[in-house]
N, C-alpha and C. Protein backbone atom coordinates (compact mmCIF):
# COMPACT_ATOMS: atom_id res chain seq x y z
N MET A 1 142.41 37.90 115.17
CA MET A 1 140.79 36.32 115.15
C MET A 1 140.87 35.60 116.41
N GLU A 2 139.80 35.68 117.36
CA GLU A 2 140.50 34.86 118.77
C GLU A 2 139.31 33.91 119.13
N LEU A 3 139.52 32.82 118.54
CA LEU A 3 138.06 31.55 118.69
C LEU A 3 139.09 30.73 119.51
N SER A 4 137.96 30.93 121.07
CA SER A 4 138.19 29.93 122.37
C SER A 4 137.22 28.65 122.15
N PHE A 5 138.13 27.69 122.42
CA PHE A 5 137.26 25.60 122.98
C PHE A 5 136.81 26.12 124.06
N LEU A 6 135.88 25.65 124.32
CA LEU A 6 135.44 25.77 125.71
C LEU A 6 134.77 24.34 126.08
N PRO A 7 135.18 23.63 127.49
CA PRO A 7 134.78 22.34 127.62
C PRO A 7 132.94 22.34 127.90
N GLY A 8 132.65 21.03 128.11
CA GLY A 8 131.56 21.04 128.33
C GLY A 8 130.74 21.07 127.17
N PRO A 9 129.14 20.62 127.50
CA PRO A 9 128.72 20.19 125.93
C PRO A 9 128.30 21.87 125.48
N HIS A 10 127.71 22.17 124.69
CA HIS A 10 127.07 23.48 124.10
C HIS A 10 125.48 23.17 124.39
N PRO A 11 125.29 24.38 125.22
CA PRO A 11 124.00 24.91 125.74
C PRO A 11 122.99 24.22 124.42
N LEU A 12 122.90 24.62 123.45
CA LEU A 12 121.78 24.56 122.36
C LEU A 12 121.73 23.11 122.60
N TYR A 13 122.37 21.81 122.36
CA TYR A 13 122.10 20.81 122.79
C TYR A 13 121.59 20.55 124.11
N GLU A 14 121.97 21.14 125.11
CA GLU A 14 121.52 20.70 126.21
C GLU A 14 120.11 20.17 126.73
N ALA A 15 120.05 21.77 125.73
CA ALA A 15 118.54 22.54 125.91
C ALA A 15 117.36 21.54 124.87
N HIS A 16 118.07 20.97 123.88
CA HIS A 16 116.96 20.54 122.89
C HIS A 16 117.26 19.26 122.38
N GLU A 17 117.80 18.43 123.19
CA GLU A 17 118.47 17.14 122.66
C GLU A 17 117.53 15.94 122.51
N ALA A 18 116.61 15.87 123.02
CA ALA A 18 115.45 14.97 122.34
C ALA A 18 114.78 15.51 120.92
N ASP A 19 114.78 17.04 120.71
CA ASP A 19 114.43 17.15 119.39
C ASP A 19 115.42 17.02 118.15
N ILE A 20 116.65 17.22 118.57
CA ILE A 20 118.00 16.66 117.60
C ILE A 20 117.92 15.56 117.85
N GLU A 21 117.59 14.73 118.77
CA GLU A 21 118.07 13.18 118.46
C GLU A 21 116.94 12.29 117.45
N GLU A 22 115.56 13.15 117.67
CA GLU A 22 114.64 12.97 116.44
C GLU A 22 115.07 13.07 115.60
N ASN A 23 115.41 14.48 114.78
CA ASN A 23 114.76 14.91 113.76
C ASN A 23 116.46 13.95 112.71
N TRP A 24 117.82 13.85 113.67
CA TRP A 24 118.80 13.06 113.27
C TRP A 24 118.51 11.80 112.76
N ARG A 25 117.25 11.04 113.45
CA ARG A 25 116.75 9.43 112.94
C ARG A 25 115.84 9.76 111.60
N ALA A 26 115.32 11.05 111.69
CA ALA A 26 114.30 11.35 110.56
C ALA A 26 115.93 11.66 108.70
N GLU A 27 116.72 12.44 109.39
CA GLU A 27 117.72 12.79 108.46
C GLU A 27 118.73 11.51 107.92
N VAL A 28 118.72 10.66 108.85
CA VAL A 28 119.36 9.60 108.59
C VAL A 28 118.66 8.33 107.75
N ALA A 29 117.31 8.15 107.87
CA ALA A 29 116.15 7.48 107.34
C ALA A 29 116.27 8.32 105.83
N ARG A 30 116.59 9.46 105.23
CA ARG A 30 116.99 9.27 104.24
C ARG A 30 118.07 9.38 103.45
N ASN A 31 118.81 9.92 104.38
CA ASN A 31 120.26 9.38 103.82
C ASN A 31 120.53 8.70 104.85
N PRO A 32 120.91 7.66 104.68
CA PRO A 32 122.24 6.41 105.72
C PRO A 32 123.11 6.74 105.66
N HIS A 33 124.05 7.62 104.54
CA HIS A 33 125.55 7.74 104.15
C HIS A 33 125.69 9.08 105.54
N LEU A 34 125.10 9.72 106.27
CA LEU A 34 125.25 10.26 107.18
C LEU A 34 126.23 10.10 108.19
N PHE A 35 126.89 11.04 108.91
CA PHE A 35 127.76 10.19 109.39
C PHE A 35 127.66 11.69 110.91
N ASN A 36 127.05 11.09 112.03
CA ASN A 36 127.42 12.12 113.30
C ASN A 36 128.35 11.82 114.01
N GLY A 37 129.58 13.16 113.31
CA GLY A 37 130.59 12.88 113.97
C GLY A 37 130.54 14.13 114.72
N ARG A 38 132.07 14.49 115.59
CA ARG A 38 132.07 15.52 116.49
C ARG A 38 132.48 17.07 115.59
N MET A 39 131.81 17.98 115.98
CA MET A 39 132.58 19.19 115.62
C MET A 39 132.40 20.34 116.21
N VAL A 40 132.40 21.59 115.67
CA VAL A 40 133.05 22.91 116.59
C VAL A 40 131.24 23.68 116.38
N LEU A 41 130.70 24.33 117.57
CA LEU A 41 129.85 25.14 117.01
C LEU A 41 129.50 26.10 118.04
N GLN A 42 130.09 27.57 117.48
CA GLN A 42 130.29 28.66 118.37
C GLN A 42 129.14 29.07 119.00
N ARG A 43 128.95 29.42 120.45
CA ARG A 43 128.30 29.34 121.55
C ARG A 43 128.25 31.32 121.45
N ARG A 44 129.02 31.58 120.97
CA ARG A 44 129.02 33.32 120.74
C ARG A 44 130.11 33.98 120.41
N LEU A 45 129.93 34.71 119.38
CA LEU A 45 130.88 35.42 118.21
C LEU A 45 130.20 36.95 117.84
N SER A 46 131.14 37.40 117.51
CA SER A 46 131.33 38.99 117.62
C SER A 46 132.47 39.44 116.84
N ILE A 47 132.31 40.60 116.13
CA ILE A 47 132.89 41.17 114.92
C ILE A 47 133.27 42.48 115.18
N ASP A 48 134.56 42.89 115.89
CA ASP A 48 134.77 44.35 116.02
C ASP A 48 136.13 44.91 115.45
N ASP A 49 135.57 45.66 114.48
CA ASP A 49 136.85 46.55 113.90
C ASP A 49 137.09 45.46 113.05
N GLY A 50 136.79 44.60 112.17
CA GLY A 50 137.47 43.51 111.48
C GLY A 50 138.23 42.26 112.34
N ARG A 51 138.13 41.85 113.65
CA ARG A 51 138.30 41.16 114.45
C ARG A 51 137.26 40.32 115.15
N ILE A 52 137.57 38.95 114.51
CA ILE A 52 136.83 37.62 115.03
C ILE A 52 136.84 37.47 116.46
N VAL A 53 135.70 37.43 117.37
CA VAL A 53 136.04 36.81 118.84
C VAL A 53 135.10 35.79 119.03
N GLY A 54 135.17 34.55 118.83
CA GLY A 54 134.18 33.50 119.59
C GLY A 54 134.61 32.61 120.39
N GLU A 55 133.52 31.68 121.39
CA GLU A 55 133.34 30.95 122.32
C GLU A 55 133.29 29.69 121.30
N ALA A 56 133.77 28.41 121.42
CA ALA A 56 132.76 27.22 120.90
C ALA A 56 132.95 26.35 121.62
N HIS A 57 132.33 25.38 121.67
CA HIS A 57 131.67 23.79 122.09
C HIS A 57 132.18 22.79 121.32
N GLU A 58 131.92 21.75 121.64
CA GLU A 58 131.80 20.31 121.02
C GLU A 58 130.47 19.82 120.73
N ILE A 59 130.40 19.23 119.23
CA ILE A 59 128.65 19.11 119.47
C ILE A 59 128.72 17.87 118.44
N PRO A 60 127.19 16.93 118.52
CA PRO A 60 127.53 16.43 117.42
C PRO A 60 126.88 16.73 116.36
N TYR A 61 127.33 16.12 115.19
CA TYR A 61 126.93 16.97 113.92
C TYR A 61 125.39 16.81 113.81
N SER A 62 124.50 16.26 114.54
CA SER A 62 123.12 16.24 114.16
C SER A 62 122.68 17.62 115.04
N THR A 63 123.06 17.99 115.91
CA THR A 63 123.29 19.30 116.44
C THR A 63 122.57 20.32 114.87
N LEU A 64 123.65 20.45 114.09
CA LEU A 64 123.58 21.94 113.46
C LEU A 64 122.61 21.21 112.20
N LEU A 65 122.26 19.63 111.75
CA LEU A 65 121.01 19.69 110.93
C LEU A 65 120.06 20.35 111.58
N TRP A 66 120.01 19.97 112.72
CA TRP A 66 118.42 20.45 113.58
C TRP A 66 118.73 21.59 113.64
N TRP A 67 119.86 22.54 114.62
CA TRP A 67 119.68 23.58 114.34
C TRP A 67 119.14 25.09 112.61
N ARG A 68 120.15 24.30 111.63
CA ARG A 68 119.65 25.03 110.30
C ARG A 68 118.31 24.86 110.02
N LYS A 69 117.68 24.46 110.45
CA LYS A 69 116.25 23.80 109.82
C LYS A 69 115.28 24.66 110.72
N GLN A 70 115.74 25.30 111.63
CA GLN A 70 115.03 26.52 112.76
C GLN A 70 114.16 27.73 112.06
N PRO A 71 113.22 28.34 112.18
CA PRO A 71 112.99 29.38 111.27
C PRO A 71 114.04 30.48 112.18
N ASP A 72 114.32 30.83 113.03
CA ASP A 72 115.16 31.56 114.17
C ASP A 72 115.79 30.86 114.62
N PRO A 73 116.69 30.52 113.93
CA PRO A 73 118.03 29.69 114.30
C PRO A 73 119.00 30.34 115.41
N ALA A 74 118.27 30.55 116.61
CA ALA A 74 118.90 31.15 117.77
C ALA A 74 120.18 30.46 118.33
N GLY A 75 120.73 30.95 119.83
CA GLY A 75 121.30 29.97 120.54
C GLY A 75 122.66 29.35 120.23
N ALA A 76 123.01 29.75 118.62
CA ALA A 76 124.42 29.30 117.74
C ALA A 76 124.60 29.95 116.74
N PHE A 77 126.19 29.87 116.45
CA PHE A 77 126.47 30.74 115.69
C PHE A 77 127.06 29.44 114.57
N HIS A 78 127.03 29.32 113.15
CA HIS A 78 128.35 28.16 112.72
C HIS A 78 128.80 29.09 112.01
N LEU A 79 129.84 29.48 112.07
CA LEU A 79 131.14 29.62 111.52
C LEU A 79 131.83 28.77 110.82
N PHE A 80 132.43 29.34 110.05
CA PHE A 80 133.31 28.36 108.62
C PHE A 80 133.97 29.12 107.88
N GLY A 81 134.84 28.63 106.69
CA GLY A 81 135.75 29.44 105.59
C GLY A 81 135.73 28.66 104.63
N PHE A 82 135.32 29.63 103.79
CA PHE A 82 135.75 29.29 102.18
C PHE A 82 137.32 29.60 101.90
N ALA A 83 137.73 28.73 101.70
CA ALA A 83 139.60 29.46 100.66
C ALA A 83 138.65 29.29 99.36
N VAL A 84 138.51 30.30 98.65
CA VAL A 84 138.64 30.58 96.86
C VAL A 84 139.52 30.65 96.33
N PRO A 85 139.49 29.32 95.69
CA PRO A 85 140.32 29.24 94.70
C PRO A 85 140.32 29.74 93.10
N ILE A 86 141.40 30.39 92.86
CA ILE A 86 141.69 31.37 92.00
C ILE A 86 142.55 30.72 90.82
N SER A 87 141.82 30.36 89.62
CA SER A 87 143.48 30.28 88.23
C SER A 87 143.87 30.74 87.93
N SER A 88 145.21 30.62 87.34
CA SER A 88 146.01 31.54 86.55
C SER A 88 145.06 31.91 85.51
N ASP A 89 143.94 32.34 85.13
CA ASP A 89 143.40 32.41 84.19
C ASP A 89 142.12 33.10 84.63
N GLY A 90 142.10 33.22 85.77
CA GLY A 90 140.70 33.79 86.24
C GLY A 90 139.50 33.16 86.24
N ALA A 91 139.67 31.94 87.11
CA ALA A 91 138.05 30.99 87.31
C ALA A 91 138.46 30.95 88.43
N ILE A 92 137.10 31.19 89.22
CA ILE A 92 136.85 30.39 90.62
C ILE A 92 137.00 28.96 90.41
N ILE A 93 137.21 27.89 91.55
CA ILE A 93 137.20 26.37 91.02
C ILE A 93 136.18 26.26 92.49
N ALA A 94 135.26 25.74 92.02
CA ALA A 94 134.25 25.33 92.89
C ALA A 94 134.50 23.37 92.98
N VAL A 95 133.34 23.19 93.78
CA VAL A 95 133.08 21.56 93.60
C VAL A 95 131.18 21.43 93.58
N ARG A 96 130.46 20.60 92.96
CA ARG A 96 129.70 19.81 93.04
C ARG A 96 129.64 18.71 94.38
N MET A 97 128.31 18.57 95.33
CA MET A 97 128.58 18.31 96.28
C MET A 97 127.79 16.41 95.53
N SER A 98 128.63 15.34 96.51
CA SER A 98 127.94 14.16 96.35
C SER A 98 126.52 14.25 96.82
N ASP A 99 125.79 13.19 95.77
CA ASP A 99 124.68 13.18 96.00
C ASP A 99 124.15 12.50 97.95
N HIS A 100 124.92 11.59 98.63
CA HIS A 100 124.87 11.62 99.70
C HIS A 100 125.48 12.41 101.10
N THR A 101 126.25 13.48 100.71
CA THR A 101 126.24 14.40 101.22
C THR A 101 125.18 15.09 101.94
N ALA A 102 125.33 15.97 102.99
CA ALA A 102 124.09 16.82 103.90
C ALA A 102 123.99 18.19 102.75
N ASN A 103 124.67 18.30 101.70
CA ASN A 103 124.05 18.92 100.74
C ASN A 103 124.16 18.36 99.07
N PRO A 104 123.46 17.69 99.41
CA PRO A 104 123.60 17.10 97.78
C PRO A 104 123.22 17.89 96.60
N GLY A 105 124.67 17.82 96.10
CA GLY A 105 123.71 18.66 94.11
C GLY A 105 124.55 20.31 94.43
N GLN A 106 124.53 20.68 95.64
CA GLN A 106 124.75 22.09 95.59
C GLN A 106 126.57 22.29 95.04
N VAL A 107 126.46 23.51 94.73
CA VAL A 107 128.17 24.30 94.57
C VAL A 107 128.84 24.80 95.35
N TYR A 108 129.75 24.80 95.48
CA TYR A 108 130.32 25.92 96.89
C TYR A 108 131.79 25.46 96.55
N CYS A 109 132.87 26.30 97.17
CA CYS A 109 134.26 26.07 97.28
C CYS A 109 134.17 24.84 98.39
N ALA A 110 135.57 23.96 98.02
CA ALA A 110 135.68 22.85 99.08
C ALA A 110 136.04 23.30 100.53
N ALA A 111 135.11 23.34 101.47
CA ALA A 111 134.87 23.44 102.92
C ALA A 111 134.26 22.36 103.62
N GLY A 112 134.87 22.66 104.82
CA GLY A 112 133.71 21.87 105.78
C GLY A 112 133.28 22.48 107.16
N SER A 113 132.86 22.34 107.86
CA SER A 113 132.95 22.76 109.57
C SER A 113 134.35 22.50 110.19
N LEU A 114 133.95 23.66 111.08
CA LEU A 114 135.41 23.12 112.16
C LEU A 114 135.06 21.66 112.90
N ASP A 115 136.14 21.03 112.77
CA ASP A 115 135.93 19.95 113.87
C ASP A 115 137.02 20.12 115.08
N LEU A 116 137.24 18.57 115.72
CA LEU A 116 138.11 18.54 116.96
C LEU A 116 139.55 19.31 116.30
N SER A 117 140.24 18.41 115.12
CA SER A 117 141.08 18.63 114.74
C SER A 117 141.77 19.80 113.91
N ASP A 118 141.06 20.50 114.21
CA ASP A 118 141.34 22.55 114.02
C ASP A 118 141.58 23.08 115.30
N ILE A 119 141.64 22.16 116.76
CA ILE A 119 141.44 22.75 117.70
C ILE A 119 143.25 23.13 118.09
N THR A 120 143.49 24.28 118.26
CA THR A 120 145.23 23.74 118.93
C THR A 120 145.67 24.71 120.12
N GLU A 121 146.49 24.32 120.51
CA GLU A 121 146.81 25.54 121.86
C GLU A 121 146.47 26.24 121.89
N SER A 122 146.26 27.77 120.88
CA SER A 122 145.77 29.15 120.99
C SER A 122 144.38 29.20 121.02
N GLY A 123 143.76 27.92 121.03
CA GLY A 123 142.67 28.17 120.12
C GLY A 123 142.46 27.30 118.39
N ILE A 124 141.22 28.10 118.07
CA ILE A 124 140.54 26.64 117.00
C ILE A 124 141.49 27.78 115.96
N ASP A 125 141.50 26.94 115.04
CA ASP A 125 143.01 27.72 113.63
C ASP A 125 141.57 27.30 112.50
N LEU A 126 140.61 28.74 112.00
CA LEU A 126 139.98 28.43 110.96
C LEU A 126 140.86 28.16 109.90
N PHE A 127 142.33 29.27 109.97
CA PHE A 127 142.59 29.09 108.60
C PHE A 127 143.35 27.64 107.83
N GLY A 128 143.92 27.02 109.13
CA GLY A 128 144.07 25.97 109.15
C GLY A 128 142.93 24.85 108.68
N ASN A 129 141.38 24.85 109.10
CA ASN A 129 140.80 24.36 108.29
C ASN A 129 140.56 24.25 106.88
N MET A 130 140.76 25.83 106.31
CA MET A 130 140.18 26.02 104.93
C MET A 130 141.55 25.38 104.13
N ARG A 131 142.67 25.18 104.59
CA ARG A 131 144.12 24.17 104.18
C ARG A 131 143.35 22.54 103.63
N ARG A 132 142.90 22.22 105.39
CA ARG A 132 142.60 20.65 105.76
C ARG A 132 141.84 20.13 105.12
N GLU A 133 140.24 20.97 104.47
CA GLU A 133 139.20 20.60 104.19
C GLU A 133 139.96 21.23 102.29
N VAL A 134 140.23 21.87 102.09
CA VAL A 134 140.38 21.54 99.92
C VAL A 134 141.59 20.63 100.08
N LEU A 135 142.52 20.43 100.73
CA LEU A 135 143.66 19.62 100.46
C LEU A 135 142.78 18.22 100.41
N GLU A 136 142.07 17.79 101.31
CA GLU A 136 141.44 16.36 101.42
C GLU A 136 140.34 16.17 100.25
N GLU A 137 139.60 17.69 99.87
CA GLU A 137 138.25 16.99 98.79
C GLU A 137 138.94 17.02 97.42
N THR A 138 140.13 18.04 97.25
CA THR A 138 140.83 18.23 95.65
C THR A 138 141.70 17.96 95.97
N GLY A 139 142.55 17.43 97.17
CA GLY A 139 143.90 17.65 96.61
C GLY A 139 144.83 18.82 96.22
N LEU A 140 144.15 19.99 95.76
CA LEU A 140 145.01 20.99 96.11
C LEU A 140 145.67 21.63 97.02
N ASP A 141 147.00 22.09 97.46
CA ASP A 141 147.58 22.23 98.72
C ASP A 141 147.26 24.06 98.54
N LEU A 142 146.68 24.79 99.74
CA LEU A 142 146.62 26.45 99.68
C LEU A 142 148.44 26.52 99.79
N ASP A 143 149.20 26.28 100.35
CA ASP A 143 150.66 26.43 100.55
C ASP A 143 150.87 26.66 99.37
N ASP A 144 150.37 25.94 98.07
CA ASP A 144 151.11 25.88 96.98
C ASP A 144 150.93 27.59 96.19
N ALA A 145 149.92 28.47 96.74
CA ALA A 145 148.90 29.31 95.87
C ALA A 145 149.67 31.10 96.71
N GLN A 146 149.09 31.79 96.55
CA GLN A 146 149.37 33.17 96.81
C GLN A 146 148.30 33.79 96.96
N ALA A 147 148.01 33.69 98.69
CA ALA A 147 146.99 34.02 99.17
C ALA A 147 146.59 35.24 99.56
N ASP A 148 145.69 36.07 99.04
CA ASP A 148 145.09 37.74 98.93
C ASP A 148 145.53 37.86 100.19
N PRO A 149 145.81 39.31 100.74
CA PRO A 149 146.44 39.89 101.92
C PRO A 149 145.48 40.10 103.04
N GLY A 150 143.95 39.71 102.34
CA GLY A 150 142.89 39.91 103.34
C GLY A 150 142.02 39.19 103.06
N SER A 151 140.77 39.18 104.24
CA SER A 151 139.68 38.22 104.09
C SER A 151 138.55 38.74 104.02
N PHE A 152 137.50 38.04 103.52
CA PHE A 152 136.03 38.67 104.37
C PHE A 152 135.50 37.67 104.40
N ALA A 153 134.20 38.32 105.20
CA ALA A 153 133.02 37.65 106.10
C ALA A 153 131.67 38.53 106.04
N THR A 154 131.08 36.86 105.75
CA THR A 154 129.50 37.84 105.48
C THR A 154 129.04 37.05 106.51
N HIS A 155 127.15 37.64 106.88
CA HIS A 155 126.69 36.59 107.91
C HIS A 155 125.34 36.61 107.45
N ALA A 156 124.35 35.71 107.72
CA ALA A 156 123.25 35.84 107.28
C ALA A 156 122.72 34.29 107.95
N ASN A 157 121.56 34.61 108.72
CA ASN A 157 120.37 33.68 109.69
C ASN A 157 121.89 32.59 110.78
N GLY A 158 122.55 33.01 111.51
CA GLY A 158 123.57 32.56 112.17
C GLY A 158 124.67 32.35 111.46
N ARG A 159 125.01 32.04 110.27
CA ARG A 159 126.12 31.61 109.71
C ARG A 159 126.77 32.55 109.43
N ILE A 160 128.11 32.26 109.44
CA ILE A 160 129.19 33.32 109.15
C ILE A 160 130.44 32.93 108.28
N VAL A 161 130.62 32.89 107.46
CA VAL A 161 131.79 32.76 106.25
C VAL A 161 132.80 33.60 106.14
N VAL A 162 133.98 32.85 106.53
CA VAL A 162 135.07 33.89 106.40
C VAL A 162 135.37 33.38 105.21
N PHE A 163 135.91 34.42 104.40
CA PHE A 163 136.33 33.60 102.89
C PHE A 163 138.20 34.71 102.47
N ARG A 164 139.10 33.57 101.56
CA ARG A 164 139.54 34.38 101.33
C ARG A 164 140.14 33.81 100.07
N PHE A 165 140.72 34.53 99.14
CA PHE A 165 141.02 34.52 97.89
C PHE A 165 142.58 33.77 97.63
N PHE A 166 142.83 32.36 97.04
CA PHE A 166 143.96 31.67 96.91
C PHE A 166 144.45 31.86 95.44
N ARG A 167 145.43 32.27 95.11
CA ARG A 167 145.61 32.35 93.52
C ARG A 167 146.93 31.30 93.19
N PHE A 168 146.20 29.94 92.71
CA PHE A 168 147.06 29.64 91.70
C PHE A 168 147.78 29.94 90.46
N GLY A 169 148.84 29.67 90.39
CA GLY A 169 149.87 29.59 88.90
C GLY A 169 149.61 28.49 87.79
N LEU A 170 148.05 27.58 88.06
CA LEU A 170 147.87 26.74 86.99
C LEU A 170 146.46 27.35 86.53
N THR A 171 146.36 27.10 85.47
CA THR A 171 144.88 27.40 84.56
C THR A 171 143.52 26.18 85.31
N ALA A 172 143.15 26.85 84.78
CA ALA A 172 141.51 26.14 84.99
C ALA A 172 141.34 24.70 84.85
N GLU A 173 141.91 24.43 83.58
CA GLU A 173 141.94 23.18 82.96
C GLU A 173 142.77 22.23 83.89
N ASP A 174 144.14 22.96 84.38
CA ASP A 174 145.15 21.95 84.93
C ASP A 174 144.15 21.84 86.23
N MET A 175 144.11 22.65 87.02
CA MET A 175 143.19 22.85 88.22
C MET A 175 141.85 21.26 88.39
N LEU A 176 141.38 21.59 87.34
CA LEU A 176 140.24 20.66 87.15
C LEU A 176 140.94 19.32 86.69
N LYS A 177 141.44 18.72 86.28
CA LYS A 177 142.61 18.05 85.82
C LYS A 177 143.24 17.47 86.93
N ARG A 178 143.74 17.94 88.16
CA ARG A 178 144.55 17.78 89.25
C ARG A 178 142.77 17.20 90.24
N ILE A 179 142.27 17.98 90.35
CA ILE A 179 140.97 17.43 91.39
C ILE A 179 140.47 16.20 90.89
N GLN A 180 140.13 16.12 89.49
CA GLN A 180 139.79 14.82 88.90
C GLN A 180 140.60 13.34 89.49
N ALA A 181 141.73 13.04 89.57
CA ALA A 181 142.67 12.43 89.50
C ALA A 181 142.66 12.23 90.74
N HIS A 182 142.55 13.50 92.04
CA HIS A 182 142.06 13.46 93.27
C HIS A 182 141.20 12.45 93.63
N MET A 183 140.00 12.48 92.97
CA MET A 183 139.13 12.68 93.71
C MET A 183 138.54 10.80 93.92
N PRO A 184 139.34 9.64 92.85
CA PRO A 184 139.26 7.97 93.30
C PRO A 184 140.20 7.71 94.78
N LEU A 185 140.79 8.92 95.10
CA LEU A 185 141.46 8.65 96.25
C LEU A 185 140.70 9.52 97.66
N ASP A 186 139.90 10.21 97.56
CA ASP A 186 139.13 10.45 98.60
C ASP A 186 138.40 9.60 99.21
N GLU A 187 138.40 9.16 100.30
CA GLU A 187 137.99 8.10 100.89
C GLU A 187 136.35 8.37 101.00
N GLU A 188 136.22 10.09 101.38
CA GLU A 188 134.69 10.15 101.85
C GLU A 188 133.73 10.11 100.54
N GLN A 189 134.47 10.56 99.45
CA GLN A 189 134.23 10.65 98.33
C GLN A 189 132.84 11.95 98.16
N GLU A 190 133.08 13.16 99.09
CA GLU A 190 132.38 14.14 99.02
C GLU A 190 131.55 15.12 97.80
N ILE A 191 132.51 14.37 97.04
CA ILE A 191 132.26 15.59 96.23
C ILE A 191 131.94 14.79 94.39
N ALA A 192 130.79 14.97 93.74
CA ALA A 192 130.92 15.01 92.72
C ALA A 192 131.47 15.17 91.03
N GLU A 193 131.99 16.78 91.48
CA GLU A 193 132.78 17.11 90.17
C GLU A 193 133.36 18.28 90.53
N ALA A 194 133.94 19.03 89.80
CA ALA A 194 134.90 20.11 90.11
C ALA A 194 134.35 21.06 88.82
N LEU A 195 134.49 22.24 89.40
CA LEU A 195 133.85 23.14 87.76
C LEU A 195 134.52 24.51 88.08
N ALA A 196 134.96 24.86 86.79
CA ALA A 196 135.35 26.21 86.94
C ALA A 196 134.10 27.37 86.67
N ILE A 197 134.85 28.58 87.53
CA ILE A 197 132.99 29.50 87.22
C ILE A 197 133.70 30.60 86.81
N ARG A 198 133.37 31.25 85.82
CA ARG A 198 133.96 32.24 85.15
C ARG A 198 132.86 33.69 84.91
N SER A 199 131.78 33.33 85.81
CA SER A 199 131.05 34.50 85.78
C SER A 199 129.89 34.89 86.71
N PRO A 200 129.30 35.79 87.21
CA PRO A 200 128.74 35.66 88.38
C PRO A 200 127.09 35.69 88.15
N ASP A 201 126.78 34.46 87.09
CA ASP A 201 125.30 34.32 87.06
C ASP A 201 125.11 33.61 88.09
N ARG A 202 123.82 33.91 88.88
CA ARG A 202 123.46 33.04 89.86
C ARG A 202 123.05 31.82 89.66
N ALA A 203 122.16 31.85 88.20
CA ALA A 203 121.48 30.65 87.70
C ALA A 203 122.57 29.53 87.20
N ALA A 204 123.77 30.08 86.70
CA ALA A 204 124.11 28.71 86.16
C ALA A 204 124.06 27.41 86.83
N HIS A 205 124.48 27.52 87.74
CA HIS A 205 124.51 26.17 88.77
C HIS A 205 123.51 26.52 90.27
N ARG A 206 123.32 25.17 90.59
CA ARG A 206 122.79 25.13 92.18
C ARG A 206 123.63 25.19 92.84
N TYR A 207 123.66 26.93 92.96
CA TYR A 207 124.72 27.27 93.97
C TYR A 207 124.19 27.60 95.60
N ASN A 208 124.94 26.84 96.40
CA ASN A 208 124.74 27.08 98.02
C ASN A 208 124.55 28.68 98.08
N PRO A 209 123.55 29.45 99.11
CA PRO A 209 123.66 31.14 98.56
C PRO A 209 124.61 31.39 98.95
N LEU A 210 125.66 31.15 99.94
CA LEU A 210 126.47 31.59 100.90
C LEU A 210 127.76 31.49 99.64
N MET A 211 127.47 30.98 98.32
CA MET A 211 128.09 31.44 97.46
C MET A 211 128.18 33.13 96.92
N PHE A 212 127.02 33.37 96.91
CA PHE A 212 126.46 34.82 95.86
C PHE A 212 127.30 36.03 96.68
N PRO A 213 127.50 36.42 97.13
CA PRO A 213 128.73 37.50 97.89
C PRO A 213 129.41 37.27 97.34
N ILE A 214 130.69 35.83 97.24
CA ILE A 214 131.79 35.74 96.77
C ILE A 214 131.66 35.92 95.00
N LEU A 215 130.65 35.43 94.36
CA LEU A 215 130.69 35.94 92.97
C LEU A 215 130.39 37.25 92.87
N ASP A 216 129.69 37.88 93.35
CA ASP A 216 129.35 39.62 93.38
C ASP A 216 130.88 40.31 93.59
N LEU A 217 131.55 39.86 94.50
CA LEU A 217 132.91 40.52 94.27
C LEU A 217 133.83 40.22 93.90
N PHE A 218 134.16 39.05 93.43
CA PHE A 218 135.34 38.60 92.61
C PHE A 218 135.11 39.34 91.50
N PHE A 219 133.24 38.95 90.73
CA PHE A 219 133.44 39.45 89.36
C PHE A 219 132.86 40.92 89.44
N GLY A 220 132.80 41.20 90.51
CA GLY A 220 132.78 43.09 90.30
C GLY A 220 131.69 43.33 90.23
N VAL A 221 130.34 42.52 90.37
CA VAL A 221 129.41 43.14 90.45
C VAL A 221 128.39 44.41 91.18
N ARG A 222 127.92 45.02 90.99
CA ARG A 222 127.11 46.42 91.89
C ARG A 222 126.09 46.41 91.93
N GLU A 223 125.35 46.29 93.13
CA GLU A 223 124.10 46.24 93.00
C GLU A 223 123.39 47.73 92.87
């Protein structure tokens, strides 16, 4: 994986700044809890023989909210990682997002967009981002789990998700208890609850669609 960070604004933001700012005002009017922090958005991205290569710029979060509404979201790629925690008794541990987040009520594995803290001397650390986001939101440390040797990637409408299974030596009940104990300590209060997923039923929860390939792969669904 070779993810570079480039100086200067993202061309997408430069080309659509007025529209982005107008959309942000509407977003904040609906949800005053939103924060227009700085994050990383890919300008170029390619996958060649299992190797991901990309170039990214810093953007305000408002850019992503505008971009993902476009019917043809060209000009950028939203790359992020899903660490998929697996309990010792075979459940996927996911979270339901709080009402004040940008994805209220959606269910998916704890994750977040790449931001400036994920930039290192050697580039952008996607797996470091996974560990940080899971730790911040759930209190679970991926270093305490056994990571599967390989990762997977899915792509839809300019959104690329790299996901990897992390197998914990704890039952789902114990993992949910740990998350529940951590939730009051999370300053941002991003999650409403933690869930143990034991079936590929897409209607069981209000899933973010990016979870569907993960459910299908883990539970062995064949089309």
